[in-house]
Amino acid sequence: MEERGDIIKLAKDDKHMDLSHRQLSVVASETGEVEASASSFYRVMKQEQLMEKRQRKPKTPQA
């Protein structure tokens, strides 16, 4: 399934590593890369063990 491959590709992309499956589904929809629900993102990412590896970008220091 092409959609599954696109979801995996987006989830592994460094610029999206800090996004949850919900946020990633919105970004993908807005950019036209993938039209899939947040639950589809969750399901595919969980099967590929990409949920545990989500990293938050360090917050920039507030001066």
N, C-alpha and C. Protein backbone atom coordinates (compact mmCIF):
# COMPACT_ATOMS: atom_id res chain seq x y z
N MET A 1 0.85 -1.19 0.00
CA MET A 1 0.00 0.00 0.00
C MET A 1 0.89 1.25 0.00
N GLU A 2 0.67 2.11 -0.94
CA GLU A 2 1.47 3.32 -1.10
C GLU A 2 1.34 4.25 0.11
N GLU A 3 0.14 4.37 0.64
CA GLU A 3 -0.11 5.23 1.79
C GLU A 3 0.75 4.82 2.99
N ARG A 4 0.86 3.54 3.23
CA ARG A 4 1.65 3.02 4.34
C ARG A 4 3.12 3.44 4.19
N GLY A 5 3.66 3.28 3.01
CA GLY A 5 5.05 3.66 2.75
C GLY A 5 5.28 5.15 2.95
N ASP A 6 4.32 5.95 2.52
CA ASP A 6 4.43 7.40 2.70
C ASP A 6 4.40 7.79 4.17
N ILE A 7 3.56 7.12 4.94
CA ILE A 7 3.49 7.40 6.38
C ILE A 7 4.81 7.05 7.05
N ILE A 8 5.37 5.91 6.70
CA ILE A 8 6.65 5.49 7.28
C ILE A 8 7.75 6.47 6.92
N LYS A 9 7.77 6.87 5.66
CA LYS A 9 8.79 7.83 5.19
C LYS A 9 8.70 9.14 5.97
N LEU A 10 7.50 9.66 6.14
CA LEU A 10 7.31 10.91 6.89
C LEU A 10 7.70 10.75 8.36
N ALA A 11 7.31 9.64 8.95
CA ALA A 11 7.59 9.42 10.38
C ALA A 11 9.09 9.30 10.65
N LYS A 12 9.84 8.81 9.67
CA LYS A 12 11.28 8.65 9.84
C LYS A 12 12.06 9.91 9.48
N ASP A 13 11.41 10.87 8.86
CA ASP A 13 12.07 12.11 8.44
C ASP A 13 12.50 12.91 9.67
N ASP A 14 13.76 13.33 9.69
CA ASP A 14 14.31 14.08 10.83
C ASP A 14 13.51 15.34 11.16
N LYS A 15 12.99 16.00 10.15
CA LYS A 15 12.27 17.25 10.43
C LYS A 15 10.91 17.02 11.11
N HIS A 16 10.47 15.76 11.14
CA HIS A 16 9.19 15.43 11.77
C HIS A 16 9.34 14.58 13.03
N MET A 17 10.56 14.37 13.50
CA MET A 17 10.80 13.47 14.63
C MET A 17 10.13 13.92 15.92
N ASP A 18 9.86 15.20 16.04
CA ASP A 18 9.26 15.70 17.28
C ASP A 18 7.74 15.75 17.23
N LEU A 19 7.14 15.31 16.14
CA LEU A 19 5.69 15.37 16.00
C LEU A 19 5.02 14.07 16.41
N SER A 20 3.89 14.20 17.06
CA SER A 20 3.09 13.03 17.41
C SER A 20 2.39 12.53 16.14
N HIS A 21 1.77 11.38 16.23
CA HIS A 21 1.05 10.84 15.07
C HIS A 21 -0.08 11.78 14.66
N ARG A 22 -0.71 12.43 15.62
CA ARG A 22 -1.80 13.38 15.30
C ARG A 22 -1.25 14.60 14.55
N GLN A 23 -0.17 15.16 15.07
CA GLN A 23 0.43 16.33 14.44
C GLN A 23 0.94 15.98 13.05
N LEU A 24 1.55 14.83 12.93
CA LEU A 24 2.09 14.40 11.65
C LEU A 24 0.99 14.21 10.60
N SER A 25 -0.15 13.71 11.01
CA SER A 25 -1.25 13.52 10.06
C SER A 25 -1.77 14.86 9.55
N VAL A 26 -1.78 15.87 10.42
CA VAL A 26 -2.23 17.20 10.01
C VAL A 26 -1.22 17.82 9.04
N VAL A 27 0.06 17.75 9.39
CA VAL A 27 1.11 18.30 8.52
C VAL A 27 1.07 17.62 7.16
N ALA A 28 0.96 16.31 7.14
CA ALA A 28 0.93 15.56 5.88
C ALA A 28 -0.27 15.95 5.03
N SER A 29 -1.39 16.16 5.67
CA SER A 29 -2.60 16.56 4.95
C SER A 29 -2.46 17.97 4.39
N GLU A 30 -1.94 18.88 5.21
CA GLU A 30 -1.79 20.28 4.77
C GLU A 30 -0.81 20.42 3.62
N THR A 31 0.24 19.60 3.61
CA THR A 31 1.24 19.68 2.55
C THR A 31 0.87 18.82 1.34
N GLY A 32 -0.19 18.02 1.48
CA GLY A 32 -0.62 17.16 0.38
C GLY A 32 0.21 15.91 0.20
N GLU A 33 1.04 15.58 1.19
CA GLU A 33 1.91 14.41 1.07
C GLU A 33 1.15 13.11 1.26
N VAL A 34 0.28 13.06 2.27
CA VAL A 34 -0.51 11.86 2.56
C VAL A 34 -1.87 12.29 3.08
N GLU A 35 -2.92 11.67 2.58
CA GLU A 35 -4.26 11.90 3.11
C GLU A 35 -4.65 10.67 3.91
N ALA A 36 -4.41 10.73 5.22
CA ALA A 36 -4.74 9.60 6.09
C ALA A 36 -5.12 10.14 7.46
N SER A 37 -5.93 9.40 8.16
CA SER A 37 -6.38 9.82 9.49
C SER A 37 -5.27 9.66 10.51
N ALA A 38 -5.44 10.33 11.64
CA ALA A 38 -4.48 10.20 12.73
C ALA A 38 -4.41 8.76 13.21
N SER A 39 -5.54 8.07 13.20
CA SER A 39 -5.54 6.67 13.64
C SER A 39 -4.76 5.78 12.67
N SER A 40 -4.80 6.11 11.39
CA SER A 40 -3.99 5.36 10.41
C SER A 40 -2.51 5.59 10.66
N PHE A 41 -2.15 6.84 10.93
CA PHE A 41 -0.75 7.15 11.27
C PHE A 41 -0.34 6.37 12.52
N TYR A 42 -1.19 6.39 13.53
CA TYR A 42 -0.88 5.67 14.78
C TYR A 42 -0.68 4.19 14.51
N ARG A 43 -1.59 3.58 13.78
CA ARG A 43 -1.55 2.14 13.51
C ARG A 43 -0.26 1.76 12.77
N VAL A 44 0.06 2.50 11.72
CA VAL A 44 1.25 2.18 10.93
C VAL A 44 2.52 2.44 11.74
N MET A 45 2.57 3.57 12.43
CA MET A 45 3.75 3.90 13.21
C MET A 45 3.96 2.91 14.36
N LYS A 46 2.89 2.45 14.97
CA LYS A 46 3.00 1.47 16.06
C LYS A 46 3.51 0.14 15.51
N GLN A 47 2.99 -0.29 14.36
CA GLN A 47 3.44 -1.54 13.74
C GLN A 47 4.91 -1.49 13.37
N GLU A 48 5.38 -0.32 12.98
CA GLU A 48 6.78 -0.15 12.58
C GLU A 48 7.67 0.26 13.75
N GLN A 49 7.12 0.27 14.95
CA GLN A 49 7.82 0.65 16.18
C GLN A 49 8.42 2.05 16.09
N LEU A 50 7.65 2.96 15.53
CA LEU A 50 8.09 4.35 15.41
C LEU A 50 7.48 5.24 16.48
N MET A 51 6.57 4.71 17.27
CA MET A 51 5.94 5.51 18.32
C MET A 51 6.88 5.74 19.49
N GLU A 52 7.65 4.73 19.86
CA GLU A 52 8.52 4.83 21.02
C GLU A 52 9.72 5.74 20.75
N LYS A 53 10.05 5.95 19.50
CA LYS A 53 11.26 6.69 19.15
C LYS A 53 11.02 8.17 18.93
N ARG A 54 9.81 8.64 19.13
CA ARG A 54 9.51 10.06 18.91
C ARG A 54 10.31 10.88 19.90
N GLN A 55 10.98 11.89 19.42
CA GLN A 55 11.82 12.74 20.27
C GLN A 55 11.30 14.16 20.23
N ARG A 56 11.36 14.79 21.34
CA ARG A 56 11.02 16.21 21.40
C ARG A 56 12.28 17.01 21.11
N LYS A 57 12.13 18.05 20.31
CA LYS A 57 13.26 18.94 20.09
C LYS A 57 13.51 19.72 21.37
N PRO A 58 14.76 19.96 21.70
CA PRO A 58 15.03 20.74 22.91
C PRO A 58 14.43 22.14 22.78
N LYS A 59 13.85 22.61 23.85
CA LYS A 59 13.27 23.94 23.83
C LYS A 59 14.37 24.98 23.80
N THR A 60 14.13 26.04 23.06
CA THR A 60 15.11 27.12 23.03
C THR A 60 15.04 27.88 24.35
N PRO A 61 16.19 28.25 24.88
CA PRO A 61 16.20 28.96 26.16
C PRO A 61 15.47 30.30 26.07
N GLN A 62 14.71 30.60 27.09
CA GLN A 62 14.00 31.87 27.16
C GLN A 62 14.87 32.87 27.92
N ALA A 63 15.18 33.97 27.29
CA ALA A 63 16.04 34.98 27.93
C ALA A 63 15.24 35.98 28.72
